[in-house]
Amino acid sequence: MKAADLATRLGLRAEAVCRYYLSSGRRSGKYWIVGDARNTPGRSMFVRLFGPQIGKGAAGKWADAATGEHGDLLDVIRESTGLADFRDVGREARRFLNLTESEAVPSPDIEIDPIPTGSPEASRRLFNMARPIFGTLAETYLRQRAVTVLHGASALRFHPHCYYRPEDGGSRQTLPAMIAAVTDLHGRQTGAHRTWLSNDGGDKAPIVTPRRAMGDLLGHAVRFGTAGTVMAAGEGIETVLSLRCVLPDMPMAAALSAAHLAAILFPLSLRRLYIIRDNDRAGANVCHHLADRAHRAGIEPIVLSPGLADFNDDLRHFGIQAVRELVGEQVIRRDRIRYLHGAA
């Protein structure tokens, strides 16, 4: 299918396209009004929701009064998702339209390149389709869990309609989700982690498995900051982010499970590793195993233990000052001066 035909198909569902990719805007009569094609809040861009399929005034055509830019809905998909390659834009448009492979005939304009479900490439596509968390339900979710330090959290994004399929083979549905990029020591994305959220962002979605990972995870992690001689590593994203609230400048990594924390790879520059413990049997076992690995690699391991099940429980039940005091007793003096005293 050629690009022009794909744009026409999108135009037939112009309002649905706008609600999905330009969610910061709103409908006003025959138009969708938003700040720009990158989904910025505002009123300078107008998208036609109705009109002929092709030609002047066609549905899906848009113009930005502030910049003079104009285009069709393929341009909207490209700008709002940040996809640079037009082949990726075409694939994303087909995904939105739910076209089958038989309906989408390959052409020189847009190639079809099937991607294995759950592969590292699929995880990169998912992350690229998501948006920064600020002002989204993902930010609401984290703040509901008392996580207030979100600078340097570019590894986290939000997808308003992330596919979820029950493990019992039930019908697929779409739910809002926090998307986390899993990267290797060189910053290359190898996987992704999804946390499906309730429709108000107040908690995880009421489904059987609200958290799932995809891609190549072994040895890798969701990273916050670039590790130097010191870093901290833990299991869950919320647990690691809770510790960042009192040590906001210390590089940290969330390995996503006890097994993956035990196998996390060490940066060559690392000299001291803070192991963020979960208070359960698996947490105790992984601390012992990871500390042994660190010792053998010439790295000093120090375990940080919460008062309750994990540091997010501590943060929500006791407050940030209590967590700061608890962590301050366990961090060595030079790191307490470097990292803890700057915590807000």
Foldseek 3Di string as FASTA:
>chain_A
DAPLVLLLLCLQVQVVLCCALQVLWDDDVQWTAAQDLLNHHDGQKTAGNDDDSDDPPGRQWMAGNVPRDIDGSLVSQCNNLVDDDSLLSVVVSCVVVVDDPVVDDADPRHGDDDDDPQAQVVQVSVLSRFAQCPPHLQVVLLVLLVQDQCPQQSQKTKHAFCWDADPVRDDIGTAIWIKGFKAALVRHGFKIKIQGPDPNSNYTDPDDDRIDIGGDQAQIFRKRDHDAQEAEEEADPSQFSLVCLQQVPHIYTHSNDLVRLLRHDDDPRYAEYEYFAFPDPSRVVSLVSNCVVCVVVNHHYFYQYDPPRGSSVCCVPPNDVVSLVSVLVRDDDVSCVVGRVPRD
